[in-house]
Amino acid sequence: MREVLSAFAYPNTLSVLRLTGWDIRQALEHTAAYFALDQAGQPTVSEEYLVPKPQHYNYDMW
């Protein structure tokens, strides 16, 4: 197992965060800003995450 995990470019480490409800809400709002609606009302990636360069790494899942 150790050899398999050493193949990853970045180590995965567990962190424990003590957050308030406000902190969690702000993080969720930031994540939701990743999406926008196109002309047909379909979800798409927000222009802010695409220009001037793609920034998909800033999208987090909660």
N, C-alpha and C. Protein backbone atom coordinates (compact mmCIF):
# COMPACT_ATOMS: atom_id res chain seq x y z
N MET A 1 0.83 -1.18 0.00
CA MET A 1 0.00 0.00 0.00
C MET A 1 0.88 1.26 0.00
N ARG A 2 1.96 1.24 0.74
CA ARG A 2 2.84 2.40 0.80
C ARG A 2 3.40 2.73 -0.57
N GLU A 3 3.75 1.73 -1.35
CA GLU A 3 4.30 1.96 -2.68
C GLU A 3 3.26 2.54 -3.62
N VAL A 4 2.03 2.12 -3.49
CA VAL A 4 0.96 2.67 -4.32
C VAL A 4 0.75 4.14 -4.00
N LEU A 5 0.71 4.48 -2.74
CA LEU A 5 0.48 5.86 -2.34
C LEU A 5 1.64 6.78 -2.70
N SER A 6 2.84 6.24 -2.81
CA SER A 6 3.98 7.09 -3.16
C SER A 6 3.95 7.53 -4.62
N ALA A 7 3.08 6.94 -5.43
CA ALA A 7 2.96 7.31 -6.84
C ALA A 7 2.18 8.60 -7.04
N PHE A 8 1.43 9.05 -6.03
CA PHE A 8 0.66 10.29 -6.14
C PHE A 8 1.59 11.50 -6.11
N ALA A 9 1.26 12.51 -6.91
CA ALA A 9 2.08 13.72 -6.96
C ALA A 9 2.04 14.51 -5.66
N TYR A 10 0.90 14.48 -4.99
CA TYR A 10 0.74 15.24 -3.74
C TYR A 10 0.29 14.30 -2.64
N PRO A 11 0.87 14.41 -1.47
CA PRO A 11 0.45 13.52 -0.39
C PRO A 11 -0.94 13.90 0.11
N ASN A 12 -1.73 12.92 0.40
CA ASN A 12 -3.06 13.16 0.98
C ASN A 12 -2.94 13.07 2.48
N THR A 13 -3.26 14.16 3.14
CA THR A 13 -3.17 14.18 4.59
C THR A 13 -4.53 14.56 5.15
N LEU A 14 -4.84 14.02 6.27
CA LEU A 14 -6.08 14.30 6.96
C LEU A 14 -5.91 15.51 7.85
N SER A 15 -6.86 16.43 7.78
CA SER A 15 -6.85 17.62 8.63
C SER A 15 -8.19 17.73 9.31
N VAL A 16 -8.16 18.18 10.53
CA VAL A 16 -9.39 18.43 11.28
C VAL A 16 -9.53 19.94 11.44
N LEU A 17 -10.66 20.46 11.00
CA LEU A 17 -10.92 21.89 11.11
C LEU A 17 -12.08 22.13 12.07
N ARG A 18 -11.96 23.15 12.87
CA ARG A 18 -13.05 23.54 13.75
C ARG A 18 -13.70 24.77 13.10
N LEU A 19 -14.91 24.59 12.56
CA LEU A 19 -15.57 25.65 11.81
C LEU A 19 -16.89 26.04 12.45
N THR A 20 -17.27 27.27 12.20
CA THR A 20 -18.58 27.73 12.64
C THR A 20 -19.55 27.53 11.48
N GLY A 21 -20.83 27.68 11.73
CA GLY A 21 -21.82 27.61 10.67
C GLY A 21 -21.58 28.67 9.61
N TRP A 22 -21.14 29.85 10.04
CA TRP A 22 -20.86 30.94 9.10
C TRP A 22 -19.73 30.55 8.15
N ASP A 23 -18.66 29.95 8.71
CA ASP A 23 -17.53 29.51 7.89
C ASP A 23 -17.97 28.51 6.83
N ILE A 24 -18.78 27.55 7.22
CA ILE A 24 -19.25 26.53 6.30
C ILE A 24 -20.13 27.15 5.22
N ARG A 25 -21.00 28.06 5.62
CA ARG A 25 -21.86 28.71 4.63
C ARG A 25 -21.05 29.50 3.60
N GLN A 26 -20.03 30.22 4.06
CA GLN A 26 -19.19 30.98 3.15
C GLN A 26 -18.47 30.05 2.16
N ALA A 27 -18.00 28.92 2.65
CA ALA A 27 -17.33 27.96 1.76
C ALA A 27 -18.32 27.39 0.75
N LEU A 28 -19.53 27.09 1.17
CA LEU A 28 -20.54 26.57 0.25
C LEU A 28 -20.94 27.62 -0.78
N GLU A 29 -21.05 28.86 -0.38
CA GLU A 29 -21.38 29.94 -1.32
C GLU A 29 -20.26 30.11 -2.35
N HIS A 30 -19.02 30.01 -1.91
CA HIS A 30 -17.89 30.12 -2.83
C HIS A 30 -17.92 28.97 -3.83
N THR A 31 -18.23 27.78 -3.37
CA THR A 31 -18.32 26.61 -4.25
C THR A 31 -19.48 26.77 -5.23
N ALA A 32 -20.61 27.27 -4.76
CA ALA A 32 -21.77 27.44 -5.64
C ALA A 32 -21.51 28.47 -6.73
N ALA A 33 -20.62 29.41 -6.48
CA ALA A 33 -20.30 30.43 -7.49
C ALA A 33 -19.58 29.83 -8.69
N TYR A 34 -19.15 28.59 -8.60
CA TYR A 34 -18.50 27.90 -9.72
C TYR A 34 -19.48 27.70 -10.87
N PHE A 35 -20.76 27.62 -10.55
CA PHE A 35 -21.78 27.35 -11.56
C PHE A 35 -22.53 28.61 -11.95
N ALA A 36 -23.00 28.64 -13.19
CA ALA A 36 -23.85 29.71 -13.70
C ALA A 36 -24.88 29.05 -14.61
N LEU A 37 -25.88 29.81 -15.02
CA LEU A 37 -26.89 29.30 -15.95
C LEU A 37 -26.66 29.92 -17.32
N ASP A 38 -26.73 29.08 -18.36
CA ASP A 38 -26.57 29.61 -19.71
C ASP A 38 -27.90 30.16 -20.22
N GLN A 39 -27.97 30.55 -21.48
CA GLN A 39 -29.17 31.15 -22.07
C GLN A 39 -30.39 30.23 -21.97
N ALA A 40 -30.16 28.93 -22.04
CA ALA A 40 -31.26 27.96 -21.98
C ALA A 40 -31.61 27.57 -20.55
N GLY A 41 -30.92 28.16 -19.58
CA GLY A 41 -31.18 27.84 -18.18
C GLY A 41 -30.48 26.58 -17.70
N GLN A 42 -29.52 26.11 -18.47
CA GLN A 42 -28.77 24.92 -18.10
C GLN A 42 -27.52 25.32 -17.30
N PRO A 43 -27.16 24.52 -16.30
CA PRO A 43 -25.95 24.85 -15.53
C PRO A 43 -24.69 24.71 -16.37
N THR A 44 -23.78 25.61 -16.16
CA THR A 44 -22.49 25.62 -16.85
C THR A 44 -21.44 26.16 -15.88
N VAL A 45 -20.19 26.09 -16.24
CA VAL A 45 -19.13 26.64 -15.40
C VAL A 45 -19.12 28.15 -15.56
N SER A 46 -19.04 28.85 -14.45
CA SER A 46 -19.04 30.31 -14.43
C SER A 46 -17.84 30.86 -15.21
N GLU A 47 -18.06 31.96 -15.89
CA GLU A 47 -17.01 32.61 -16.68
C GLU A 47 -15.81 33.00 -15.81
N GLU A 48 -16.05 33.32 -14.54
CA GLU A 48 -14.97 33.72 -13.64
C GLU A 48 -13.96 32.59 -13.42
N TYR A 49 -14.40 31.35 -13.58
CA TYR A 49 -13.51 30.21 -13.40
C TYR A 49 -12.83 29.79 -14.71
N LEU A 50 -13.17 30.45 -15.81
CA LEU A 50 -12.61 30.08 -17.11
C LEU A 50 -11.68 31.13 -17.69
N VAL A 51 -11.87 32.39 -17.32
CA VAL A 51 -11.09 33.49 -17.90
C VAL A 51 -10.31 34.18 -16.80
N PRO A 52 -9.06 34.50 -16.92
CA PRO A 52 -8.24 34.40 -18.11
C PRO A 52 -7.68 32.99 -18.34
N LYS A 53 -7.77 32.10 -17.34
CA LYS A 53 -7.35 30.71 -17.54
C LYS A 53 -8.26 29.81 -16.73
N PRO A 54 -8.43 28.56 -17.11
CA PRO A 54 -9.29 27.65 -16.34
C PRO A 54 -8.76 27.48 -14.92
N GLN A 55 -9.68 27.55 -13.97
CA GLN A 55 -9.32 27.42 -12.55
C GLN A 55 -10.21 26.39 -11.87
N HIS A 56 -10.36 25.24 -12.49
CA HIS A 56 -11.24 24.21 -11.95
C HIS A 56 -10.76 23.70 -10.59
N TYR A 57 -9.49 23.87 -10.31
CA TYR A 57 -8.93 23.42 -9.03
C TYR A 57 -9.50 24.21 -7.85
N ASN A 58 -10.15 25.34 -8.11
CA ASN A 58 -10.73 26.14 -7.03
C ASN A 58 -12.13 25.67 -6.65
N TYR A 59 -12.64 24.66 -7.35
CA TYR A 59 -13.94 24.10 -7.01
C TYR A 59 -13.74 23.02 -5.96
N ASP A 60 -14.42 23.13 -4.85
CA ASP A 60 -14.34 22.15 -3.77
C ASP A 60 -15.68 21.48 -3.56
N MET A 61 -15.65 20.25 -3.13
CA MET A 61 -16.87 19.53 -2.80
C MET A 61 -17.01 19.44 -1.30
N TRP A 62 -18.21 19.66 -0.82
CA TRP A 62 -18.51 19.56 0.61
C TRP A 62 -19.51 18.47 0.82
